[in-house]
Amino acid sequence: MSGTIAVLWTLYGHVYSGRLEIIGDRLELRTRSRTCSIPFSDIVSAAIERGATVRIHGLPVLRLTLAGGETVGIASLQGIGTLHELTAHVVPAAASTI
């Protein structure tokens, strides 16, 4: 997976609009004023969720649970297939259970 993906993402209850990029061993979520870097090694679990209460603006979410207990929700503006591809890249073992 290369390039950037247009996404909506949540962290600590706030919704951000920006882009996601895989850089080496981490994900980078960026807005105009904020960057959130997530090392792959910090990702404890990943799951695609479709329930009404977890969607971001009606879109399914890739929910990442991090080692510190935080959760990050990522909704792709480029389609659900992008979430599956991202999951397979970020957490290969999790891709087979989704």
PDB file of N, CA and C in Angstrom:
ATOM      1  N   MET A   1       0.858  -1.174   0.000  1.00  0.00           N
ATOM      2  CA  MET A   1       0.000   0.000   0.000  1.00  0.00           C
ATOM      3  C   MET A   1       0.900   1.232   0.000  1.00  0.00           C
ATOM      4  N   SER A   2       0.712   2.095  -0.979  1.00  0.00           N
ATOM      5  CA  SER A   2       1.548   3.292  -1.055  1.00  0.00           C
ATOM      6  C   SER A   2       0.689   4.520  -1.289  1.00  0.00           C
ATOM      7  N   GLY A   3       1.278   5.664  -1.069  1.00  0.00           N
ATOM      8  CA  GLY A   3       0.548   6.909  -1.251  1.00  0.00           C
ATOM      9  C   GLY A   3      -0.235   7.287  -0.014  1.00  0.00           C
ATOM     10  N   THR A   4      -1.130   8.236  -0.189  1.00  0.00           N
ATOM     11  CA  THR A   4      -1.949   8.697   0.925  1.00  0.00           C
ATOM     12  C   THR A   4      -3.409   8.331   0.686  1.00  0.00           C
ATOM     13  N   ILE A   5      -4.136   8.234   1.787  1.00  0.00           N
ATOM     14  CA  ILE A   5      -5.557   7.900   1.746  1.00  0.00           C
ATOM     15  C   ILE A   5      -6.314   9.037   2.423  1.00  0.00           C
ATOM     16  N   ALA A   6      -7.361   9.508   1.784  1.00  0.00           N
ATOM     17  CA  ALA A   6      -8.223  10.527   2.397  1.00  0.00           C
ATOM     18  C   ALA A   6      -9.074   9.841   3.457  1.00  0.00           C
ATOM     19  N   VAL A   7      -9.021  10.356   4.699  1.00  0.00           N
ATOM     20  CA  VAL A   7      -9.713   9.720   5.816  1.00  0.00           C
ATOM     21  C   VAL A   7     -10.365  10.734   6.744  1.00  0.00           C
ATOM     22  N   LEU A   8     -11.302  10.211   7.513  1.00  0.00           N
ATOM     23  CA  LEU A   8     -11.798  10.859   8.713  1.00  0.00           C
ATOM     24  C   LEU A   8     -11.278   9.984   9.837  1.00  0.00           C
ATOM     25  N   TRP A   9     -10.863  10.572  10.954  1.00  0.00           N
ATOM     26  CA  TRP A   9     -10.378   9.755  12.061  1.00  0.00           C
ATOM     27  C   TRP A   9     -10.764  10.369  13.391  1.00  0.00           C
ATOM     28  N   THR A  10     -10.885   9.512  14.391  1.00  0.00           N
ATOM     29  CA  THR A  10     -11.265   9.959  15.724  1.00  0.00           C
ATOM     30  C   THR A  10     -10.175   9.605  16.720  1.00  0.00           C
ATOM     31  N   LEU A  11      -9.999  10.500  17.669  1.00  0.00           N
ATOM     32  CA  LEU A  11      -9.077  10.282  18.777  1.00  0.00           C
ATOM     33  C   LEU A  11      -9.589  11.104  19.941  1.00  0.00           C
ATOM     34  N   TYR A  12      -9.771  10.466  21.101  1.00  0.00           N
ATOM     35  CA  TYR A  12     -10.274  11.136  22.306  1.00  0.00           C
ATOM     36  C   TYR A  12     -11.603  11.857  22.069  1.00  0.00           C
ATOM     37  N   GLY A  13     -12.466  11.255  21.232  1.00  0.00           N
ATOM     38  CA  GLY A  13     -13.791  11.813  21.010  1.00  0.00           C
ATOM     39  C   GLY A  13     -13.878  12.929  19.992  1.00  0.00           C
ATOM     40  N   HIS A  14     -12.759  13.318  19.399  1.00  0.00           N
ATOM     41  CA  HIS A  14     -12.746  14.364  18.382  1.00  0.00           C
ATOM     42  C   HIS A  14     -12.631  13.739  16.996  1.00  0.00           C
ATOM     43  N   VAL A  15     -13.320  14.316  16.017  1.00  0.00           N
ATOM     44  CA  VAL A  15     -13.265  13.844  14.631  1.00  0.00           C
ATOM     45  C   VAL A  15     -12.387  14.797  13.833  1.00  0.00           C
ATOM     46  N   TYR A  16     -11.468  14.212  13.076  1.00  0.00           N
ATOM     47  CA  TYR A  16     -10.553  14.986  12.242  1.00  0.00           C
ATOM     48  C   TYR A  16     -10.703  14.559  10.788  1.00  0.00           C
ATOM     49  N   SER A  17     -10.451  15.471   9.886  1.00  0.00           N
ATOM     50  CA  SER A  17     -10.465  15.204   8.459  1.00  0.00           C
ATOM     51  C   SER A  17      -9.046  15.416   7.937  1.00  0.00           C
ATOM     52  N   GLY A  18      -8.545  14.456   7.176  1.00  0.00           N
ATOM     53  CA  GLY A  18      -7.184  14.611   6.674  1.00  0.00           C
ATOM     54  C   GLY A  18      -6.770  13.448   5.823  1.00  0.00           C
ATOM     55  N   ARG A  19      -5.543  13.016   6.037  1.00  0.00           N
ATOM     56  CA  ARG A  19      -5.008  11.934   5.216  1.00  0.00           C
ATOM     57  C   ARG A  19      -4.221  10.966   6.085  1.00  0.00           C
ATOM     58  N   LEU A  20      -4.112   9.753   5.589  1.00  0.00           N
ATOM     59  CA  LEU A  20      -3.339   8.709   6.237  1.00  0.00           C
ATOM     60  C   LEU A  20      -2.231   8.287   5.290  1.00  0.00           C
ATOM     61  N   GLU A  21      -1.069   8.081   5.858  1.00  0.00           N
ATOM     62  CA  GLU A  21       0.060   7.612   5.059  1.00  0.00           C
ATOM     63  C   GLU A  21       0.828   6.584   5.869  1.00  0.00           C
ATOM     64  N   ILE A  22       1.272   5.514   5.205  1.00  0.00           N
ATOM     65  CA  ILE A  22       2.131   4.533   5.849  1.00  0.00           C
ATOM     66  C   ILE A  22       3.564   4.937   5.569  1.00  0.00           C
ATOM     67  N   ILE A  23       4.309   5.161   6.644  1.00  0.00           N
ATOM     68  CA  ILE A  23       5.705   5.582   6.522  1.00  0.00           C
ATOM     69  C   ILE A  23       6.554   4.599   7.315  1.00  0.00           C
ATOM     70  N   GLY A  24       7.252   3.725   6.636  1.00  0.00           N
ATOM     71  CA  GLY A  24       8.109   2.753   7.306  1.00  0.00           C
ATOM     72  C   GLY A  24       7.331   1.846   8.239  1.00  0.00           C
ATOM     73  N   ASP A  25       7.572   2.001   9.525  1.00  0.00           N
ATOM     74  CA  ASP A  25       6.970   1.130  10.533  1.00  0.00           C
ATOM     75  C   ASP A  25       5.827   1.789  11.295  1.00  0.00           C
ATOM     76  N   ARG A  26       5.178   2.783  10.678  1.00  0.00           N
ATOM     77  CA  ARG A  26       4.107   3.490  11.385  1.00  0.00           C
ATOM     78  C   ARG A  26       3.066   4.053  10.418  1.00  0.00           C
ATOM     79  N   LEU A  27       1.905   4.378  11.006  1.00  0.00           N
ATOM     80  CA  LEU A  27       0.862   5.124  10.306  1.00  0.00           C
ATOM     81  C   LEU A  27       0.997   6.580  10.700  1.00  0.00           C
ATOM     82  N   GLU A  28       0.759   7.461   9.780  1.00  0.00           N
ATOM     83  CA  GLU A  28       0.681   8.873  10.117  1.00  0.00           C
ATOM     84  C   GLU A  28      -0.661   9.408   9.665  1.00  0.00           C
ATOM     85  N   LEU A  29      -1.397   9.967  10.606  1.00  0.00           N
ATOM     86  CA  LEU A  29      -2.668  10.628  10.337  1.00  0.00           C
ATOM     87  C   LEU A  29      -2.408  12.116  10.425  1.00  0.00           C
ATOM     88  N   ARG A  30      -2.796  12.852   9.400  1.00  0.00           N
ATOM     89  CA  ARG A  30      -2.481  14.287   9.356  1.00  0.00           C
ATOM     90  C   ARG A  30      -3.694  15.127   9.004  1.00  0.00           C
ATOM     91  N   THR A  31      -3.762  16.267   9.656  1.00  0.00           N
ATOM     92  CA  THR A  31      -4.686  17.326   9.284  1.00  0.00           C
ATOM     93  C   THR A  31      -3.804  18.531   8.976  1.00  0.00           C
ATOM     94  N   ARG A  32      -4.416  19.660   8.735  1.00  0.00           N
ATOM     95  CA  ARG A  32      -3.605  20.860   8.488  1.00  0.00           C
ATOM     96  C   ARG A  32      -2.800  21.263   9.712  1.00  0.00           C
ATOM     97  N   SER A  33      -3.337  20.985  10.903  1.00  0.00           N
ATOM     98  CA  SER A  33      -2.679  21.470  12.120  1.00  0.00           C
ATOM     99  C   SER A  33      -2.246  20.371  13.089  1.00  0.00           C
ATOM    100  N   ARG A  34      -2.460  19.118  12.744  1.00  0.00           N
ATOM    101  CA  ARG A  34      -2.161  18.043  13.688  1.00  0.00           C
ATOM    102  C   ARG A  34      -1.609  16.836  12.954  1.00  0.00           C
ATOM    103  N   THR A  35      -0.648  16.160  13.599  1.00  0.00           N
ATOM    104  CA  THR A  35      -0.122  14.891  13.100  1.00  0.00           C
ATOM    105  C   THR A  35      -0.155  13.883  14.236  1.00  0.00           C
ATOM    106  N   CYS A  36      -0.655  12.705  13.933  1.00  0.00           N
ATOM    107  CA  CYS A  36      -0.701  11.616  14.900  1.00  0.00           C
ATOM    108  C   CYS A  36       0.074  10.451  14.292  1.00  0.00           C
ATOM    109  N   SER A  37       1.164  10.059  14.936  1.00  0.00           N
ATOM    110  CA  SER A  37       1.996   8.973  14.448  1.00  0.00           C
ATOM    111  C   SER A  37       1.742   7.733  15.310  1.00  0.00           C
ATOM    112  N   ILE A  38       1.432   6.605  14.661  1.00  0.00           N
ATOM    113  CA  ILE A  38       1.125   5.367  15.370  1.00  0.00           C
ATOM    114  C   ILE A  38       2.074   4.265  14.886  1.00  0.00           C
ATOM    115  N   PRO A  39       3.054   3.893  15.721  1.00  0.00           N
ATOM    116  CA  PRO A  39       3.927   2.774  15.344  1.00  0.00           C
ATOM    117  C   PRO A  39       3.111   1.478  15.266  1.00  0.00           C
ATOM    118  N   PHE A  40       3.381   0.637  14.273  1.00  0.00           N
ATOM    119  CA  PHE A  40       2.681  -0.635  14.141  1.00  0.00           C
ATOM    120  C   PHE A  40       2.808  -1.454  15.424  1.00  0.00           C
ATOM    121  N   SER A  41       3.955  -1.363  16.091  1.00  0.00           N
ATOM    122  CA  SER A  41       4.187  -2.142  17.310  1.00  0.00           C
ATOM    123  C   SER A  41       3.255  -1.738  18.453  1.00  0.00           C
ATOM    124  N   ASP A  42       2.640  -0.555  18.391  1.00  0.00           N
ATOM    125  CA  ASP A  42       1.702  -0.093  19.422  1.00  0.00           C
ATOM    126  C   ASP A  42       0.272  -0.581  19.189  1.00  0.00           C
ATOM    127  N   ILE A  43       0.008  -1.179  18.038  1.00  0.00           N
ATOM    128  CA  ILE A  43      -1.349  -1.627  17.716  1.00  0.00           C
ATOM    129  C   ILE A  43      -1.580  -3.005  18.320  1.00  0.00           C
ATOM    130  N   VAL A  44      -2.504  -3.063  19.284  1.00  0.00           N
ATOM    131  CA  VAL A  44      -2.827  -4.310  19.972  1.00  0.00           C
ATOM    132  C   VAL A  44      -3.867  -5.098  19.189  1.00  0.00           C
ATOM    133  N   SER A  45      -4.872  -4.392  18.645  1.00  0.00           N
ATOM    134  CA  SER A  45      -5.887  -5.072  17.847  1.00  0.00           C
ATOM    135  C   SER A  45      -6.464  -4.111  16.820  1.00  0.00           C
ATOM    136  N   ALA A  46      -7.069  -4.712  15.803  1.00  0.00           N
ATOM    137  CA  ALA A  46      -7.697  -3.934  14.733  1.00  0.00           C
ATOM    138  C   ALA A  46      -8.944  -4.670  14.282  1.00  0.00           C
ATOM    139  N   ALA A  47     -10.017  -3.918  14.070  1.00  0.00           N
ATOM    140  CA  ALA A  47     -11.265  -4.527  13.607  1.00  0.00           C
ATOM    141  C   ALA A  47     -12.057  -3.507  12.808  1.00  0.00           C
ATOM    142  N   ILE A  48     -12.674  -3.971  11.742  1.00  0.00           N
ATOM    143  CA  ILE A  48     -13.570  -3.110  10.983  1.00  0.00           C
ATOM    144  C   ILE A  48     -14.940  -3.212  11.625  1.00  0.00           C
ATOM    145  N   GLU A  49     -15.494  -2.068  11.989  1.00  0.00           N
ATOM    146  CA  GLU A  49     -16.784  -2.022  12.666  1.00  0.00           C
ATOM    147  C   GLU A  49     -17.780  -1.262  11.812  1.00  0.00           C
ATOM    148  N   ARG A  50     -19.019  -1.768  11.793  1.00  0.00           N
ATOM    149  CA  ARG A  50     -20.053  -1.173  10.947  1.00  0.00           C
ATOM    150  C   ARG A  50     -21.274  -0.704  11.726  1.00  0.00           C
ATOM    151  N   GLY A  51     -21.273  -0.878  13.038  1.00  0.00           N
ATOM    152  CA  GLY A  51     -22.420  -0.492  13.851  1.00  0.00           C
ATOM    153  C   GLY A  51     -22.693   1.000  13.788  1.00  0.00           C
ATOM    154  N   ALA A  52     -23.953   1.358  13.925  1.00  0.00           N
ATOM    155  CA  ALA A  52     -24.364   2.759  13.804  1.00  0.00           C
ATOM    156  C   ALA A  52     -23.670   3.661  14.815  1.00  0.00           C
ATOM    157  N   THR A  53     -23.380   3.158  16.005  1.00  0.00           N
ATOM    158  CA  THR A  53     -22.785   4.001  17.042  1.00  0.00           C
ATOM    159  C   THR A  53     -21.295   4.257  16.852  1.00  0.00           C
ATOM    160  N   VAL A  54     -20.629   3.468  16.039  1.00  0.00           N
ATOM    161  CA  VAL A  54     -19.188   3.650  15.850  1.00  0.00           C
ATOM    162  C   VAL A  54     -18.825   4.292  14.513  1.00  0.00           C
ATOM    163  N   ARG A  55     -19.777   4.376  13.623  1.00  0.00           N
ATOM    164  CA  ARG A  55     -19.492   4.972  12.306  1.00  0.00           C
ATOM    165  C   ARG A  55     -19.089   6.434  12.445  1.00  0.00           C
ATOM    166  N   ILE A  56     -18.280   6.884  11.505  1.00  0.00           N
ATOM    167  CA  ILE A  56     -17.908   8.299  11.426  1.00  0.00           C
ATOM    168  C   ILE A  56     -18.612   8.866  10.208  1.00  0.00           C
ATOM    169  N   HIS A  57     -19.535   9.768  10.433  1.00  0.00           N
ATOM    170  CA  HIS A  57     -20.344  10.363   9.363  1.00  0.00           C
ATOM    171  C   HIS A  57     -20.941   9.300   8.436  1.00  0.00           C
ATOM    172  N   GLY A  58     -21.407   8.215   9.045  1.00  0.00           N
ATOM    173  CA  GLY A  58     -22.067   7.149   8.303  1.00  0.00           C
ATOM    174  C   GLY A  58     -21.147   6.119   7.682  1.00  0.00           C
ATOM    175  N   LEU A  59     -19.833   6.292   7.817  1.00  0.00           N
ATOM    176  CA  LEU A  59     -18.873   5.385   7.188  1.00  0.00           C
ATOM    177  C   LEU A  59     -18.378   4.319   8.167  1.00  0.00           C
ATOM    178  N   PRO A  60     -18.159   3.075   7.685  1.00  0.00           N
ATOM    179  CA  PRO A  60     -17.561   2.040   8.528  1.00  0.00           C
ATOM    180  C   PRO A  60     -16.191   2.489   9.018  1.00  0.00           C
ATOM    181  N   VAL A  61     -15.765   1.923  10.132  1.00  0.00           N
ATOM    182  CA  VAL A  61     -14.546   2.382  10.796  1.00  0.00           C
ATOM    183  C   VAL A  61     -13.573   1.228  11.035  1.00  0.00           C
ATOM    184  N   LEU A  62     -12.310   1.478  10.785  1.00  0.00           N
ATOM    185  CA  LEU A  62     -11.249   0.582  11.233  1.00  0.00           C
ATOM    186  C   LEU A  62     -10.865   1.064  12.626  1.00  0.00           C
ATOM    187  N   ARG A  63     -11.177   0.262  13.632  1.00  0.00           N
ATOM    188  CA  ARG A  63     -10.906   0.636  15.015  1.00  0.00           C
ATOM    189  C   ARG A  63      -9.582   0.013  15.436  1.00  0.00           C
ATOM    190  N   LEU A  64      -8.604   0.854  15.781  1.00  0.00           N
ATOM    191  CA  LEU A  64      -7.313   0.394  16.268  1.00  0.00           C
ATOM    192  C   LEU A  64      -7.271   0.585  17.778  1.00  0.00           C
ATOM    193  N   THR A  65      -6.947  -0.462  18.498  1.00  0.00           N
ATOM    194  CA  THR A  65      -6.730  -0.356  19.935  1.00  0.00           C
ATOM    195  C   THR A  65      -5.222  -0.349  20.141  1.00  0.00           C
ATOM    196  N   LEU A  66      -4.739   0.650  20.855  1.00  0.00           N
ATOM    197  CA  LEU A  66      -3.308   0.834  21.056  1.00  0.00           C
ATOM    198  C   LEU A  66      -2.873   0.291  22.412  1.00  0.00           C
ATOM    199  N   ALA A  67      -1.583   0.047  22.556  1.00  0.00           N
ATOM    200  CA  ALA A  67      -1.023  -0.535  23.769  1.00  0.00           C
ATOM    201  C   ALA A  67      -1.389   0.254  25.024  1.00  0.00           C
ATOM    202  N   GLY A  68      -1.498   1.553  24.950  1.00  0.00           N
ATOM    203  CA  GLY A  68      -1.841   2.374  26.106  1.00  0.00           C
ATOM    204  C   GLY A  68      -3.323   2.382  26.434  1.00  0.00           C
ATOM    205  N   GLY A  69      -4.149   1.676  25.634  1.00  0.00           N
ATOM    206  CA  GLY A  69      -5.581   1.617  25.863  1.00  0.00           C
ATOM    207  C   GLY A  69      -6.387   2.591  25.022  1.00  0.00           C
ATOM    208  N   GLU A  70      -5.728   3.523  24.359  1.00  0.00           N
ATOM    209  CA  GLU A  70      -6.438   4.463  23.495  1.00  0.00           C
ATOM    210  C   GLU A  70      -6.989   3.727  22.278  1.00  0.00           C
ATOM    211  N   THR A  71      -8.046   4.289  21.709  1.00  0.00           N
ATOM    212  CA  THR A  71      -8.563   3.759  20.454  1.00  0.00           C
ATOM    213  C   THR A  71      -8.577   4.874  19.419  1.00  0.00           C
ATOM    214  N   VAL A  72      -8.294   4.485  18.201  1.00  0.00           N
ATOM    215  CA  VAL A  72      -8.326   5.397  17.062  1.00  0.00           C
ATOM    216  C   VAL A  72      -9.264   4.784  16.048  1.00  0.00           C
ATOM    217  N   GLY A  73     -10.223   5.561  15.570  1.00  0.00           N
ATOM    218  CA  GLY A  73     -11.134   5.107  14.534  1.00  0.00           C
ATOM    219  C   GLY A  73     -10.760   5.768  13.216  1.00  0.00           C
ATOM    220  N   ILE A  74     -10.706   4.988  12.152  1.00  0.00           N
ATOM    221  CA  ILE A  74     -10.335   5.509  10.833  1.00  0.00           C
ATOM    222  C   ILE A  74     -11.418   5.131   9.835  1.00  0.00           C
ATOM    223  N   ALA A  75     -11.986   6.119   9.166  1.00  0.00           N
ATOM    224  CA  ALA A  75     -12.974   5.895   8.115  1.00  0.00           C
ATOM    225  C   ALA A  75     -12.379   6.385   6.801  1.00  0.00           C
ATOM    226  N   SER A  76     -12.384   5.544   5.807  1.00  0.00           N
ATOM    227  CA  SER A  76     -11.825   5.907   4.511  1.00  0.00           C
ATOM    228  C   SER A  76     -12.855   6.639   3.667  1.00  0.00           C
ATOM    229  N   LEU A  77     -12.429   7.702   3.049  1.00  0.00           N
ATOM    230  CA  LEU A  77     -13.269   8.420   2.094  1.00  0.00           C
ATOM    231  C   LEU A  77     -13.124   7.817   0.703  1.00  0.00           C
ATOM    232  N   GLN A  78     -12.331   6.740   0.601  1.00  0.00           N
ATOM    233  CA  GLN A  78     -12.072   6.077  -0.670  1.00  0.00           C
ATOM    234  C   GLN A  78     -12.698   4.682  -0.737  1.00  0.00           C
ATOM    235  N   GLY A  79     -13.565   4.347   0.208  1.00  0.00           N
ATOM    236  CA  GLY A  79     -14.299   3.087   0.150  1.00  0.00           C
ATOM    237  C   GLY A  79     -13.859   2.056   1.170  1.00  0.00           C
ATOM    238  N   ILE A  80     -14.759   1.107   1.432  1.00  0.00           N
ATOM    239  CA  ILE A  80     -14.526   0.058   2.424  1.00  0.00           C
ATOM    240  C   ILE A  80     -13.360  -0.839   2.040  1.00  0.00           C
ATOM    241  N   GLY A  81     -13.128  -1.044   0.762  1.00  0.00           N
ATOM    242  CA  GLY A  81     -12.006  -1.874   0.327  1.00  0.00           C
ATOM    243  C   GLY A  81     -10.681  -1.348   0.832  1.00  0.00           C
ATOM    244  N   THR A  82     -10.566  -0.045   0.938  1.00  0.00           N
ATOM    245  CA  THR A  82      -9.346   0.574   1.440  1.00  0.00           C
ATOM    246  C   THR A  82      -9.126   0.200   2.898  1.00  0.00           C
ATOM    247  N   LEU A  83     -10.206   0.104   3.687  1.00  0.00           N
ATOM    248  CA  LEU A  83     -10.056  -0.301   5.089  1.00  0.00           C
ATOM    249  C   LEU A  83      -9.542  -1.734   5.191  1.00  0.00           C
ATOM    250  N   HIS A  84     -10.058  -2.622   4.348  1.00  0.00           N
ATOM    251  CA  HIS A  84      -9.589  -4.014   4.358  1.00  0.00           C
ATOM    252  C   HIS A  84      -8.113  -4.085   3.962  1.00  0.00           C
ATOM    253  N   GLU A  85      -7.742  -3.342   2.951  1.00  0.00           N
ATOM    254  CA  GLU A  85      -6.350  -3.314   2.510  1.00  0.00           C
ATOM    255  C   GLU A  85      -5.448  -2.756   3.603  1.00  0.00           C
ATOM    256  N   LEU A  86      -5.887  -1.696   4.255  1.00  0.00           N
ATOM    257  CA  LEU A  86      -5.116  -1.092   5.338  1.00  0.00           C
ATOM    258  C   LEU A  86      -4.958  -2.073   6.496  1.00  0.00           C
ATOM    259  N   THR A  87      -6.030  -2.750   6.860  1.00  0.00           N
ATOM    260  CA  THR A  87      -5.975  -3.724   7.945  1.00  0.00           C
ATOM    261  C   THR A  87      -4.982  -4.836   7.631  1.00  0.00           C
ATOM    262  N   ALA A  88      -5.029  -5.350   6.429  1.00  0.00           N
ATOM    263  CA  ALA A  88      -4.118  -6.418   6.022  1.00  0.00           C
ATOM    264  C   ALA A  88      -2.667  -5.959   6.075  1.00  0.00           C
ATOM    265  N   HIS A  89      -2.425  -4.691   5.783  1.00  0.00           N
ATOM    266  CA  HIS A  89      -1.062  -4.167   5.789  1.00  0.00           C
ATOM    267  C   HIS A  89      -0.564  -3.899   7.212  1.00  0.00           C
ATOM    268  N   VAL A  90      -1.431  -3.346   8.027  1.00  0.00           N
ATOM    269  CA  VAL A  90      -1.041  -2.929   9.376  1.00  0.00           C
ATOM    270  C   VAL A  90      -0.956  -4.112  10.337  1.00  0.00           C
ATOM    271  N   VAL A  91      -1.942  -4.971  10.294  1.00  0.00           N
ATOM    272  CA  VAL A  91      -1.994  -6.113  11.223  1.00  0.00           C
ATOM    273  C   VAL A  91      -2.348  -7.362  10.418  1.00  0.00           C
ATOM    274  N   PRO A  92      -1.381  -7.983   9.780  1.00  0.00           N
ATOM    275  CA  PRO A  92      -1.668  -9.131   8.915  1.00  0.00           C
ATOM    276  C   PRO A  92      -2.486 -10.237   9.579  1.00  0.00           C
ATOM    277  N   ALA A  93      -2.238 -10.536  10.846  1.00  0.00           N
ATOM    278  CA  ALA A  93      -2.980 -11.602  11.526  1.00  0.00           C
ATOM    279  C   ALA A  93      -4.442 -11.216  11.717  1.00  0.00           C
ATOM    280  N   ALA A  94      -4.706  -9.946  11.934  1.00  0.00           N
ATOM    281  CA  ALA A  94      -6.082  -9.494  12.162  1.00  0.00           C
ATOM    282  C   ALA A  94      -6.904  -9.559  10.888  1.00  0.00           C
ATOM    283  N   ALA A  95      -6.275  -9.463   9.746  1.00  0.00           N
ATOM    284  CA  ALA A  95      -7.009  -9.425   8.475  1.00  0.00           C
ATOM    285  C   ALA A  95      -7.782 -10.714   8.244  1.00  0.00           C
ATOM    286  N   SER A  96      -7.270 -11.816   8.757  1.00  0.00           N
ATOM    287  CA  SER A  96      -7.952 -13.089   8.529  1.00  0.00           C
ATOM    288  C   SER A  96      -9.170 -13.274   9.436  1.00  0.00           C
ATOM    289  N   THR A  97      -9.318 -12.454  10.476  1.00  0.00           N
ATOM    290  CA  THR A  97     -10.444 -12.603  11.395  1.00  0.00           C
ATOM    291  C   THR A  97     -11.537 -11.591  11.148  1.00  0.00           C
ATOM    292  N   ILE A  98     -11.368 -10.703  10.199  1.00  0.00           N
ATOM    293  CA  ILE A  98     -12.349  -9.639   9.957  1.00  0.00           C
ATOM    294  C   ILE A  98     -13.343 -10.087   8.920  1.00  0.00           C
TER     295      ILE A  98
END
